[in-house]
Protein backbone atom coordinates (compact mmCIF):
# COMPACT_ATOMS: atom_id res chain seq x y z
CA MET A 1 -170.70 -44.66 118.49
CA LYS A 2 -173.13 -44.40 115.57
CA ARG A 3 -170.16 -43.92 113.31
CA ILE A 4 -168.43 -47.13 114.48
CA PHE A 5 -171.69 -49.06 114.22
CA GLY A 6 -172.22 -47.74 110.65
CA VAL A 7 -168.68 -48.77 109.64
CA PHE A 8 -169.25 -52.20 111.19
CA ILE A 9 -172.55 -52.70 109.25
CA LEU A 10 -170.96 -51.46 106.00
CA SER A 11 -167.97 -53.81 106.48
CA ALA A 12 -170.25 -56.76 107.19
CA LEU A 13 -172.27 -56.07 104.03
CA PHE A 14 -169.11 -55.72 101.96
CA LEU A 15 -167.57 -58.93 103.28
CA SER A 16 -170.78 -60.93 102.88
CA ALA A 17 -170.83 -59.99 99.19
CA CYS A 18 -167.37 -61.54 98.83
CA SER A 19 -168.22 -64.88 100.42
CA LEU A 20 -167.87 -67.95 98.21
CA ASP A 21 -170.87 -69.96 97.19
CA GLU A 22 -170.25 -73.61 98.03
CA ASN A 23 -171.69 -74.59 94.61
CA VAL A 24 -169.51 -72.19 92.64
CA ALA A 25 -167.94 -75.01 90.57
CA GLU A 26 -171.37 -76.03 89.29
CA LEU A 27 -172.15 -72.48 88.20
CA TYR A 28 -169.46 -72.53 85.54
CA GLU A 29 -169.86 -74.75 82.52
CA GLN A 30 -166.78 -76.88 82.08
CA LYS A 31 -165.98 -77.51 78.42
CA SER A 32 -163.47 -79.79 76.85
CA PRO A 33 -161.76 -78.43 73.76
CA LEU A 34 -162.75 -79.63 70.31
CA GLU A 35 -160.11 -81.97 68.88
CA ALA A 36 -159.40 -83.10 65.31
CA ASP A 37 -157.51 -86.21 64.26
CA ILE A 38 -156.43 -85.64 60.64
CA MET A 39 -156.03 -88.90 58.71
CA ILE A 40 -153.94 -88.87 55.53
CA PRO A 41 -153.96 -91.83 53.07
CA GLU A 42 -150.88 -94.01 53.30
CA TYR A 43 -150.53 -94.15 49.49
CA PHE A 44 -151.57 -91.77 46.75
CA ALA A 45 -152.51 -93.36 43.42
CA GLU A 46 -151.89 -91.40 40.22
CA GLU A 47 -154.97 -90.14 38.35
CA GLU A 48 -157.28 -91.01 41.26
CA SER A 49 -158.85 -88.89 43.97
CA GLU A 50 -157.77 -89.68 47.52
CA GLN A 51 -159.75 -88.82 50.62
CA ILE A 52 -158.38 -86.90 53.57
CA GLN A 53 -160.46 -87.53 56.68
CA VAL A 54 -160.92 -85.77 59.99
CA GLN A 55 -162.33 -87.34 63.16
CA LEU A 56 -163.82 -84.75 65.52
CA THR A 57 -164.10 -85.38 69.25
CA GLN A 58 -164.85 -83.30 72.31
CA GLY A 59 -164.43 -84.64 75.82
CA GLY A 60 -163.81 -88.13 74.42
CA GLU A 61 -167.13 -88.14 72.55
CA THR A 62 -167.40 -88.08 68.75
CA ILE A 63 -169.04 -85.00 67.28
CA GLU A 64 -171.78 -86.07 64.88
CA ASN A 65 -173.20 -82.67 63.92
CA PRO A 66 -170.65 -79.86 64.24
CA ASP A 67 -171.43 -76.29 63.22
CA PHE A 68 -169.06 -76.71 60.27
CA VAL A 69 -166.05 -78.66 58.99
CA HIS A 70 -164.06 -77.22 56.10
CA LEU A 71 -160.77 -78.41 54.67
CA GLU A 72 -158.18 -76.30 52.90
CA ILE A 73 -155.43 -78.12 50.96
CA TRP A 74 -152.40 -76.61 49.24
CA LYS A 75 -148.99 -77.54 47.91
CA GLN A 76 -145.95 -75.95 49.58
CA ASP A 77 -144.60 -74.46 46.35
CA GLY A 78 -147.92 -72.74 45.61
CA SER A 79 -148.53 -74.65 42.36
CA LEU A 80 -151.76 -76.18 43.72
CA ASN A 81 -154.39 -74.73 46.04
CA TYR A 82 -157.79 -76.33 46.49
CA GLY A 83 -159.08 -73.53 48.71
CA MET A 84 -161.51 -74.04 51.57
CA GLU A 85 -164.28 -76.57 50.93
CA GLU A 86 -166.96 -78.14 53.10
CA ALA A 87 -166.10 -81.69 54.15
CA GLU A 88 -168.58 -84.51 53.63
CA ASN A 89 -170.10 -86.05 56.77
CA LEU A 90 -169.09 -89.74 56.62
CA GLY A 91 -170.76 -90.63 59.94
CA ASP A 92 -169.40 -91.48 63.38
CA GLY A 93 -167.81 -88.03 63.75
CA THR A 94 -165.69 -88.50 60.61
CA PHE A 95 -165.61 -85.98 57.78
CA GLY A 96 -163.77 -86.24 54.48
CA LEU A 97 -162.77 -84.47 51.29
CA SER A 98 -161.57 -86.25 48.13
CA LYS A 99 -159.07 -84.60 45.80
CA PRO A 100 -156.58 -85.76 43.18
CA PHE A 101 -152.92 -85.50 44.18
CA ASP A 102 -151.23 -85.88 40.79
CA GLN A 103 -148.17 -83.79 41.65
CA ASP A 104 -145.37 -84.97 43.93
CA GLY A 105 -144.39 -82.70 46.77
CA LEU A 106 -145.04 -81.33 50.22
CA TYR A 107 -148.70 -80.58 50.95
CA TYR A 108 -150.62 -79.02 53.82
CA VAL A 109 -154.18 -79.59 54.98
CA LYS A 110 -155.85 -77.12 57.34
CA VAL A 111 -159.07 -78.07 59.10
CA HIS A 112 -161.54 -75.34 60.04
CA ALA A 113 -164.07 -76.85 62.47
CA SER A 114 -166.54 -75.55 65.03
CA SER A 115 -168.93 -77.20 67.46
CA ALA A 116 -170.85 -75.83 70.45
CA GLY A 117 -168.88 -72.58 70.53
CA SER A 118 -165.45 -74.24 70.29
CA MET A 119 -163.45 -73.60 67.11
CA ILE A 120 -160.16 -75.14 65.98
CA VAL A 121 -157.90 -74.65 62.95
CA PRO A 122 -155.15 -77.32 63.01
CA THR A 123 -152.74 -77.83 60.10
CA LYS A 124 -150.93 -81.01 59.10
CA GLN A 125 -148.27 -81.50 56.44
CA PHE A 126 -147.95 -84.60 54.29
CA ILE A 127 -145.84 -85.86 51.41
CA VAL A 128 -146.99 -87.18 48.05
CA GLY A 129 -144.31 -89.04 46.08
CA GLU A 130 -140.87 -87.44 45.86
CA LEU A 131 -139.84 -84.13 47.41
CA SER A 132 -138.21 -81.37 45.37
CA GLN A 133 -135.23 -79.38 46.67
CA SER A 134 -137.66 -76.54 47.46
CA ASP A 135 -139.78 -78.94 49.56
CA LEU A 136 -136.69 -80.21 51.40
CA ASP A 137 -135.61 -76.62 52.10
CA ALA A 138 -139.09 -75.79 53.47
CA LEU A 139 -138.96 -78.82 55.77
CA GLN A 140 -135.45 -77.88 56.92
CA ASN A 141 -136.61 -74.32 57.71
CA CYS A 142 -139.56 -75.71 59.68
CA ILE A 143 -137.22 -77.91 61.73
CA LYS A 144 -134.90 -74.95 62.39
CA GLN A 145 -137.79 -72.75 63.54
CA GLU A 146 -139.04 -75.44 65.91
CA GLY A 147 -135.56 -75.82 67.38
CA ASP A 148 -135.02 -72.06 67.75
CA THR A 149 -138.29 -71.25 69.46
CA GLY A 150 -139.44 -74.55 70.90
CA GLY A 151 -142.73 -73.98 69.10
CA HIS A 152 -144.38 -75.46 66.04
CA HIS A 153 -144.58 -73.38 62.89
CA HIS A 154 -145.73 -73.94 59.32
């Protein structure tokens, strides 16, 4: 009898430890992911710097003071690489970096941004002027890869 009573008490203790707290949802912090809207100028003027901008939001709110925002810009053929540089805070959750784009071709910009423990590294491609055959081939390969895997590659 003592044995059955002991098993019963042990089972009750075990099961009570597994009961759900009614406020369990409030115990976990719910975070929205950090998002970046990369804005590329519509036109690129020769011999002038143009600004690429990034608008950061999280949960529909603009991020005024992120941990960091860096931009990395390069040309597809490897002839130009600006490396990673800190973006200027333009206010209202917008950050920018000005660079000259004197060479025609296919370019990429990669944003490295972090805020409140959330980090993102999106990449966007853009075109300045005319595309070379090498640029067209790179775009064609990108389209083929997307079609083959259903994913997005750069």
